[in-house]
Amino acid sequence: MQEKVMVTDTLTGINGELAGYAGMIAQAEDKELKAALKQLRNACEQSQEELYRIAKEKSYYVPAAKATQEEISNVRQLFSQGTL
């Protein structure tokens, strides 16, 4: 298996884990459980950021172009109107 495929598959898996942690944290009532889940999520985020950096350096991942000021203004306007 190619390194690029392994890196992108791992990033996809980590992103899924992060979504899972978000759901569990939101539903957890026990403060200790919630704190433990947040610690796990934070460690997962650190791994994701490190792997993302490596993928970007090796050109396995190319981020989307930055939004223009006009695009940002349009989205802000939609949020302020309650459209989104």
PDB file of N, CA and C in Angstrom:
ATOM      1  N   MET A   1       0.850  -1.177   0.000  1.00  0.00           N
ATOM      2  CA  MET A   1       0.000   0.000   0.000  1.00  0.00           C
ATOM      3  C   MET A   1       0.896   1.241   0.000  1.00  0.00           C
ATOM      4  N   GLN A   2       0.485   2.238  -0.734  1.00  0.00           N
ATOM      5  CA  GLN A   2       1.265   3.465  -0.824  1.00  0.00           C
ATOM      6  C   GLN A   2       1.125   4.305   0.440  1.00  0.00           C
ATOM      7  N   GLU A   3       2.206   5.015   0.749  1.00  0.00           N
ATOM      8  CA  GLU A   3       2.209   5.860   1.941  1.00  0.00           C
ATOM      9  C   GLU A   3       1.095   6.906   1.885  1.00  0.00           C
ATOM     10  N   LYS A   4       0.885   7.497   0.719  1.00  0.00           N
ATOM     11  CA  LYS A   4      -0.153   8.528   0.570  1.00  0.00           C
ATOM     12  C   LYS A   4      -1.529   7.975   0.934  1.00  0.00           C
ATOM     13  N   VAL A   5      -1.825   6.784   0.488  1.00  0.00           N
ATOM     14  CA  VAL A   5      -3.115   6.158   0.781  1.00  0.00           C
ATOM     15  C   VAL A   5      -3.246   5.896   2.286  1.00  0.00           C
ATOM     16  N   MET A   6      -2.170   5.416   2.887  1.00  0.00           N
ATOM     17  CA  MET A   6      -2.201   5.139   4.324  1.00  0.00           C
ATOM     18  C   MET A   6      -2.419   6.420   5.124  1.00  0.00           C
ATOM     19  N   VAL A   7      -1.745   7.495   4.733  1.00  0.00           N
ATOM     20  CA  VAL A   7      -1.888   8.760   5.448  1.00  0.00           C
ATOM     21  C   VAL A   7      -3.306   9.303   5.308  1.00  0.00           C
ATOM     22  N   THR A   8      -3.837   9.312   4.089  1.00  0.00           N
ATOM     23  CA  THR A   8      -5.188   9.848   3.893  1.00  0.00           C
ATOM     24  C   THR A   8      -6.239   8.971   4.568  1.00  0.00           C
ATOM     25  N   ASP A   9      -6.061   7.663   4.537  1.00  0.00           N
ATOM     26  CA  ASP A   9      -6.994   6.776   5.240  1.00  0.00           C
ATOM     27  C   ASP A   9      -6.956   7.023   6.751  1.00  0.00           C
ATOM     28  N   THR A  10      -5.763   7.210   7.277  1.00  0.00           N
ATOM     29  CA  THR A  10      -5.621   7.470   8.713  1.00  0.00           C
ATOM     30  C   THR A  10      -6.262   8.797   9.083  1.00  0.00           C
ATOM     31  N   LEU A  11      -6.051   9.832   8.258  1.00  0.00           N
ATOM     32  CA  LEU A  11      -6.692  11.130   8.518  1.00  0.00           C
ATOM     33  C   LEU A  11      -8.214  11.004   8.505  1.00  0.00           C
ATOM     34  N   THR A  12      -8.727  10.241   7.564  1.00  0.00           N
ATOM     35  CA  THR A  12     -10.173  10.024   7.493  1.00  0.00           C
ATOM     36  C   THR A  12     -10.673   9.332   8.759  1.00  0.00           C
ATOM     37  N   GLY A  13      -9.937   8.334   9.216  1.00  0.00           N
ATOM     38  CA  GLY A  13     -10.316   7.632  10.442  1.00  0.00           C
ATOM     39  C   GLY A  13     -10.280   8.532  11.667  1.00  0.00           C
ATOM     40  N   ILE A  14      -9.234   9.341  11.762  1.00  0.00           N
ATOM     41  CA  ILE A  14      -9.113  10.259  12.903  1.00  0.00           C
ATOM     42  C   ILE A  14     -10.251  11.267  12.885  1.00  0.00           C
ATOM     43  N   ASN A  15     -10.591  11.786  11.716  1.00  0.00           N
ATOM     44  CA  ASN A  15     -11.696  12.733  11.628  1.00  0.00           C
ATOM     45  C   ASN A  15     -13.006  12.095  12.087  1.00  0.00           C
ATOM     46  N   GLY A  16     -13.183  10.833  11.768  1.00  0.00           N
ATOM     47  CA  GLY A  16     -14.371  10.117  12.243  1.00  0.00           C
ATOM     48  C   GLY A  16     -14.369   9.956  13.754  1.00  0.00           C
ATOM     49  N   GLU A  17     -13.190   9.675  14.303  1.00  0.00           N
ATOM     50  CA  GLU A  17     -13.071   9.564  15.765  1.00  0.00           C
ATOM     51  C   GLU A  17     -13.412  10.884  16.436  1.00  0.00           C
ATOM     52  N   LEU A  18     -12.925  11.978  15.870  1.00  0.00           N
ATOM     53  CA  LEU A  18     -13.209  13.299  16.444  1.00  0.00           C
ATOM     54  C   LEU A  18     -14.708  13.590  16.445  1.00  0.00           C
ATOM     55  N   ALA A  19     -15.382  13.220  15.384  1.00  0.00           N
ATOM     56  CA  ALA A  19     -16.837  13.403  15.331  1.00  0.00           C
ATOM     57  C   ALA A  19     -17.519  12.542  16.389  1.00  0.00           C
ATOM     58  N   GLY A  20     -17.019  11.340  16.578  1.00  0.00           N
ATOM     59  CA  GLY A  20     -17.579  10.459  17.604  1.00  0.00           C
ATOM     60  C   GLY A  20     -17.394  11.020  19.002  1.00  0.00           C
ATOM     61  N   TYR A  21     -16.190  11.533  19.283  1.00  0.00           N
ATOM     62  CA  TYR A  21     -15.949  12.146  20.591  1.00  0.00           C
ATOM     63  C   TYR A  21     -16.872  13.333  20.819  1.00  0.00           C
ATOM     64  N   ALA A  22     -17.081  14.151  19.795  1.00  0.00           N
ATOM     65  CA  ALA A  22     -17.956  15.317  19.938  1.00  0.00           C
ATOM     66  C   ALA A  22     -19.358  14.886  20.348  1.00  0.00           C
ATOM     67  N   GLY A  23     -19.854  13.834  19.726  1.00  0.00           N
ATOM     68  CA  GLY A  23     -21.185  13.338  20.068  1.00  0.00           C
ATOM     69  C   GLY A  23     -21.251  12.777  21.475  1.00  0.00           C
ATOM     70  N   MET A  24     -20.232  12.029  21.860  1.00  0.00           N
ATOM     71  CA  MET A  24     -20.214  11.450  23.208  1.00  0.00           C
ATOM     72  C   MET A  24     -20.097  12.532  24.279  1.00  0.00           C
ATOM     73  N   ILE A  25     -19.256  13.519  24.026  1.00  0.00           N
ATOM     74  CA  ILE A  25     -19.078  14.600  24.996  1.00  0.00           C
ATOM     75  C   ILE A  25     -20.383  15.358  25.184  1.00  0.00           C
ATOM     76  N   ALA A  26     -21.058  15.628  24.097  1.00  0.00           N
ATOM     77  CA  ALA A  26     -22.319  16.371  24.165  1.00  0.00           C
ATOM     78  C   ALA A  26     -23.388  15.613  24.956  1.00  0.00           C
ATOM     79  N   GLN A  27     -23.341  14.289  24.941  1.00  0.00           N
ATOM     80  CA  GLN A  27     -24.372  13.494  25.596  1.00  0.00           C
ATOM     81  C   GLN A  27     -23.996  13.015  26.989  1.00  0.00           C
ATOM     82  N   ALA A  28     -22.732  13.155  27.350  1.00  0.00           N
ATOM     83  CA  ALA A  28     -22.282  12.659  28.655  1.00  0.00           C
ATOM     84  C   ALA A  28     -22.763  13.570  29.778  1.00  0.00           C
ATOM     85  N   GLU A  29     -23.342  12.981  30.806  1.00  0.00           N
ATOM     86  CA  GLU A  29     -23.790  13.758  31.969  1.00  0.00           C
ATOM     87  C   GLU A  29     -22.750  13.747  33.079  1.00  0.00           C
ATOM     88  N   ASP A  30     -22.043  12.646  33.215  1.00  0.00           N
ATOM     89  CA  ASP A  30     -21.050  12.504  34.268  1.00  0.00           C
ATOM     90  C   ASP A  30     -19.848  13.396  33.975  1.00  0.00           C
ATOM     91  N   LYS A  31     -19.496  14.264  34.905  1.00  0.00           N
ATOM     92  CA  LYS A  31     -18.407  15.221  34.691  1.00  0.00           C
ATOM     93  C   LYS A  31     -17.061  14.539  34.489  1.00  0.00           C
ATOM     94  N   GLU A  32     -16.810  13.463  35.234  1.00  0.00           N
ATOM     95  CA  GLU A  32     -15.541  12.750  35.086  1.00  0.00           C
ATOM     96  C   GLU A  32     -15.442  12.083  33.719  1.00  0.00           C
ATOM     97  N   LEU A  33     -16.539  11.485  33.287  1.00  0.00           N
ATOM     98  CA  LEU A  33     -16.560  10.860  31.967  1.00  0.00           C
ATOM     99  C   LEU A  33     -16.350  11.923  30.891  1.00  0.00           C
ATOM    100  N   LYS A  34     -17.040  13.034  31.021  1.00  0.00           N
ATOM    101  CA  LYS A  34     -16.918  14.112  30.055  1.00  0.00           C
ATOM    102  C   LYS A  34     -15.472  14.619  29.996  1.00  0.00           C
ATOM    103  N   ALA A  35     -14.837  14.769  31.146  1.00  0.00           N
ATOM    104  CA  ALA A  35     -13.448  15.232  31.197  1.00  0.00           C
ATOM    105  C   ALA A  35     -12.513  14.215  30.534  1.00  0.00           C
ATOM    106  N   ALA A  36     -12.747  12.935  30.792  1.00  0.00           N
ATOM    107  CA  ALA A  36     -11.918  11.887  30.187  1.00  0.00           C
ATOM    108  C   ALA A  36     -12.082  11.868  28.667  1.00  0.00           C
ATOM    109  N   LEU A  37     -13.310  12.034  28.204  1.00  0.00           N
ATOM    110  CA  LEU A  37     -13.562  12.069  26.765  1.00  0.00           C
ATOM    111  C   LEU A  37     -12.898  13.287  26.115  1.00  0.00           C
ATOM    112  N   LYS A  38     -12.912  14.408  26.821  1.00  0.00           N
ATOM    113  CA  LYS A  38     -12.261  15.614  26.294  1.00  0.00           C
ATOM    114  C   LYS A  38     -10.755  15.420  26.187  1.00  0.00           C
ATOM    115  N   GLN A  39     -10.166  14.723  27.159  1.00  0.00           N
ATOM    116  CA  GLN A  39      -8.729  14.441  27.093  1.00  0.00           C
ATOM    117  C   GLN A  39      -8.409  13.554  25.888  1.00  0.00           C
ATOM    118  N   LEU A  40      -9.244  12.536  25.685  1.00  0.00           N
ATOM    119  CA  LEU A  40      -9.047  11.658  24.533  1.00  0.00           C
ATOM    120  C   LEU A  40      -9.212  12.424  23.225  1.00  0.00           C
ATOM    121  N   ARG A  41     -10.223  13.289  23.175  1.00  0.00           N
ATOM    122  CA  ARG A  41     -10.449  14.097  21.980  1.00  0.00           C
ATOM    123  C   ARG A  41      -9.255  15.010  21.707  1.00  0.00           C
ATOM    124  N   ASN A  42      -8.732  15.646  22.766  1.00  0.00           N
ATOM    125  CA  ASN A  42      -7.598  16.546  22.597  1.00  0.00           C
ATOM    126  C   ASN A  42      -6.372  15.813  22.061  1.00  0.00           C
ATOM    127  N   ALA A  43      -6.117  14.611  22.576  1.00  0.00           N
ATOM    128  CA  ALA A  43      -4.991  13.813  22.081  1.00  0.00           C
ATOM    129  C   ALA A  43      -5.215  13.428  20.617  1.00  0.00           C
ATOM    130  N   CYS A  44      -6.437  13.106  20.291  1.00  0.00           N
ATOM    131  CA  CYS A  44      -6.791  12.746  18.921  1.00  0.00           C
ATOM    132  C   CYS A  44      -6.594  13.947  17.992  1.00  0.00           C
ATOM    133  N   GLU A  45      -6.979  15.127  18.463  1.00  0.00           N
ATOM    134  CA  GLU A  45      -6.795  16.345  17.668  1.00  0.00           C
ATOM    135  C   GLU A  45      -5.312  16.622  17.422  1.00  0.00           C
ATOM    136  N   GLN A  46      -4.486  16.388  18.434  1.00  0.00           N
ATOM    137  CA  GLN A  46      -3.048  16.600  18.264  1.00  0.00           C
ATOM    138  C   GLN A  46      -2.488  15.656  17.206  1.00  0.00           C
ATOM    139  N   SER A  47      -2.938  14.404  17.236  1.00  0.00           N
ATOM    140  CA  SER A  47      -2.493  13.437  16.228  1.00  0.00           C
ATOM    141  C   SER A  47      -2.952  13.864  14.834  1.00  0.00           C
ATOM    142  N   GLN A  48      -4.181  14.333  14.750  1.00  0.00           N
ATOM    143  CA  GLN A  48      -4.724  14.773  13.468  1.00  0.00           C
ATOM    144  C   GLN A  48      -3.930  15.955  12.928  1.00  0.00           C
ATOM    145  N   GLU A  49      -3.613  16.918  13.777  1.00  0.00           N
ATOM    146  CA  GLU A  49      -2.856  18.096  13.344  1.00  0.00           C
ATOM    147  C   GLU A  49      -1.458  17.715  12.870  1.00  0.00           C
ATOM    148  N   GLU A  50      -0.815  16.800  13.585  1.00  0.00           N
ATOM    149  CA  GLU A  50       0.525  16.360  13.200  1.00  0.00           C
ATOM    150  C   GLU A  50       0.499  15.623  11.864  1.00  0.00           C
ATOM    151  N   LEU A  51      -0.468  14.725  11.714  1.00  0.00           N
ATOM    152  CA  LEU A  51      -0.571  13.972  10.469  1.00  0.00           C
ATOM    153  C   LEU A  51      -0.952  14.894   9.309  1.00  0.00           C
ATOM    154  N   TYR A  52      -1.823  15.855   9.568  1.00  0.00           N
ATOM    155  CA  TYR A  52      -2.209  16.835   8.550  1.00  0.00           C
ATOM    156  C   TYR A  52      -0.973  17.614   8.080  1.00  0.00           C
ATOM    157  N   ARG A  53      -0.134  18.030   9.032  1.00  0.00           N
ATOM    158  CA  ARG A  53       1.081  18.779   8.697  1.00  0.00           C
ATOM    159  C   ARG A  53       1.998  17.939   7.807  1.00  0.00           C
ATOM    160  N   ILE A  54       2.160  16.668   8.166  1.00  0.00           N
ATOM    161  CA  ILE A  54       3.003  15.768   7.378  1.00  0.00           C
ATOM    162  C   ILE A  54       2.419  15.588   5.976  1.00  0.00           C
ATOM    163  N   ALA A  55       1.114  15.374   5.895  1.00  0.00           N
ATOM    164  CA  ALA A  55       0.455  15.186   4.604  1.00  0.00           C
ATOM    165  C   ALA A  55       0.601  16.429   3.730  1.00  0.00           C
ATOM    166  N   LYS A  56       0.484  17.586   4.347  1.00  0.00           N
ATOM    167  CA  LYS A  56       0.620  18.837   3.594  1.00  0.00           C
ATOM    168  C   LYS A  56       2.058  19.014   3.103  1.00  0.00           C
ATOM    169  N   GLU A  57       3.043  18.722   3.959  1.00  0.00           N
ATOM    170  CA  GLU A  57       4.456  18.836   3.579  1.00  0.00           C
ATOM    171  C   GLU A  57       4.809  17.929   2.409  1.00  0.00           C
ATOM    172  N   LYS A  58       4.213  16.745   2.386  1.00  0.00           N
ATOM    173  CA  LYS A  58       4.518  15.770   1.337  1.00  0.00           C
ATOM    174  C   LYS A  58       3.597  15.923   0.124  1.00  0.00           C
ATOM    175  N   SER A  59       2.750  16.934   0.153  1.00  0.00           N
ATOM    176  CA  SER A  59       1.778  17.213  -0.919  1.00  0.00           C
ATOM    177  C   SER A  59       0.761  16.084  -1.092  1.00  0.00           C
ATOM    178  N   TYR A  60       0.518  15.339  -0.020  1.00  0.00           N
ATOM    179  CA  TYR A  60      -0.546  14.336  -0.043  1.00  0.00           C
ATOM    180  C   TYR A  60      -1.897  15.003   0.120  1.00  0.00           C
ATOM    181  N   TYR A  61      -1.877  16.169   0.710  1.00  0.00           N
ATOM    182  CA  TYR A  61      -3.101  16.929   0.935  1.00  0.00           C
ATOM    183  C   TYR A  61      -2.840  18.371   0.543  1.00  0.00           C
ATOM    184  N   VAL A  62      -3.697  18.903  -0.289  1.00  0.00           N
ATOM    185  CA  VAL A  62      -3.601  20.303  -0.683  1.00  0.00           C
ATOM    186  C   VAL A  62      -4.860  20.988  -0.196  1.00  0.00           C
ATOM    187  N   PRO A  63      -4.726  21.916   0.755  1.00  0.00           N
ATOM    188  CA  PRO A  63      -5.917  22.580   1.287  1.00  0.00           C
ATOM    189  C   PRO A  63      -6.592  23.438   0.231  1.00  0.00           C
ATOM    190  N   ALA A  64      -7.861  23.676   0.428  1.00  0.00           N
ATOM    191  CA  ALA A  64      -8.613  24.543  -0.472  1.00  0.00           C
ATOM    192  C   ALA A  64      -8.050  25.959  -0.408  1.00  0.00           C
ATOM    193  N   ALA A  65      -8.297  26.705  -1.461  1.00  0.00           N
ATOM    194  CA  ALA A  65      -7.842  28.100  -1.487  1.00  0.00           C
ATOM    195  C   ALA A  65      -8.544  28.890  -0.386  1.00  0.00           C
ATOM    196  N   LYS A  66      -7.855  29.904   0.121  1.00  0.00           N
ATOM    197  CA  LYS A  66      -8.436  30.729   1.169  1.00  0.00           C
ATOM    198  C   LYS A  66      -9.610  31.509   0.605  1.00  0.00           C
ATOM    199  N   ALA A  67     -10.620  31.693   1.451  1.00  0.00           N
ATOM    200  CA  ALA A  67     -11.810  32.438   1.048  1.00  0.00           C
ATOM    201  C   ALA A  67     -11.475  33.912   0.861  1.00  0.00           C
ATOM    202  N   THR A  68     -12.142  34.516  -0.104  1.00  0.00           N
ATOM    203  CA  THR A  68     -11.964  35.948  -0.309  1.00  0.00           C
ATOM    204  C   THR A  68     -12.744  36.706   0.757  1.00  0.00           C
ATOM    205  N   GLN A  69     -12.431  37.973   0.899  1.00  0.00           N
ATOM    206  CA  GLN A  69     -13.149  38.796   1.869  1.00  0.00           C
ATOM    207  C   GLN A  69     -14.636  38.871   1.515  1.00  0.00           C
ATOM    208  N   GLU A  70     -14.935  38.894   0.229  1.00  0.00           N
ATOM    209  CA  GLU A  70     -16.342  38.931  -0.209  1.00  0.00           C
ATOM    210  C   GLU A  70     -17.069  37.649   0.197  1.00  0.00           C
ATOM    211  N   GLU A  71     -16.419  36.501   0.028  1.00  0.00           N
ATOM    212  CA  GLU A  71     -17.040  35.230   0.420  1.00  0.00           C
ATOM    213  C   GLU A  71     -17.281  35.191   1.931  1.00  0.00           C
ATOM    214  N   ILE A  72     -16.323  35.672   2.688  1.00  0.00           N
ATOM    215  CA  ILE A  72     -16.470  35.704   4.148  1.00  0.00           C
ATOM    216  C   ILE A  72     -17.633  36.606   4.533  1.00  0.00           C
ATOM    217  N   SER A  73     -17.725  37.760   3.910  1.00  0.00           N
ATOM    218  CA  SER A  73     -18.823  38.695   4.193  1.00  0.00           C
ATOM    219  C   SER A  73     -20.172  38.085   3.862  1.00  0.00           C
ATOM    220  N   ASN A  74     -20.243  37.372   2.741  1.00  0.00           N
ATOM    221  CA  ASN A  74     -21.503  36.733   2.347  1.00  0.00           C
ATOM    222  C   ASN A  74     -21.950  35.694   3.372  1.00  0.00           C
ATOM    223  N   VAL A  75     -21.013  34.887   3.844  1.00  0.00           N
ATOM    224  CA  VAL A  75     -21.354  33.864   4.838  1.00  0.00           C
ATOM    225  C   VAL A  75     -21.774  34.522   6.150  1.00  0.00           C
ATOM    226  N   ARG A  76     -21.058  35.553   6.565  1.00  0.00           N
ATOM    227  CA  ARG A  76     -21.448  36.275   7.784  1.00  0.00           C
ATOM    228  C   ARG A  76     -22.853  36.814   7.680  1.00  0.00           C
ATOM    229  N   GLN A  77     -23.170  37.373   6.511  1.00  0.00           N
ATOM    230  CA  GLN A  77     -24.505  37.923   6.293  1.00  0.00           C
ATOM    231  C   GLN A  77     -25.571  36.825   6.381  1.00  0.00           C
ATOM    232  N   LEU A  78     -25.286  35.673   5.795  1.00  0.00           N
ATOM    233  CA  LEU A  78     -26.243  34.564   5.869  1.00  0.00           C
ATOM    234  C   LEU A  78     -26.469  34.126   7.316  1.00  0.00           C
ATOM    235  N   PHE A  79     -25.398  34.063   8.107  1.00  0.00           N
ATOM    236  CA  PHE A  79     -25.530  33.667   9.508  1.00  0.00           C
ATOM    237  C   PHE A  79     -26.315  34.713  10.292  1.00  0.00           C
ATOM    238  N   SER A  80     -26.040  35.973  10.029  1.00  0.00           N
ATOM    239  CA  SER A  80     -26.728  37.031  10.782  1.00  0.00           C
ATOM    240  C   SER A  80     -28.214  37.084  10.420  1.00  0.00           C
ATOM    241  N   GLN A  81     -28.567  36.644   9.216  1.00  0.00           N
ATOM    242  CA  GLN A  81     -29.968  36.620   8.794  1.00  0.00           C
ATOM    243  C   GLN A  81     -30.672  35.350   9.256  1.00  0.00           C
ATOM    244  N   GLY A  82     -29.913  34.413   9.785  1.00  0.00           N
ATOM    245  CA  GLY A  82     -30.504  33.149  10.212  1.00  0.00           C
ATOM    246  C   GLY A  82     -30.755  32.197   9.073  1.00  0.00           C
ATOM    247  N   THR A  83     -30.163  32.453   7.909  1.00  0.00           N
ATOM    248  CA  THR A  83     -30.360  31.602   6.733  1.00  0.00           C
ATOM    249  C   THR A  83     -29.662  30.255   6.884  1.00  0.00           C
ATOM    250  N   LEU A  84     -28.523  30.257   7.565  1.00  0.00           N
ATOM    251  CA  LEU A  84     -27.775  29.008   7.744  1.00  0.00           C
ATOM    252  C   LEU A  84     -28.026  28.430   9.105  1.00  0.00           C
TER     253      LEU A  84
END
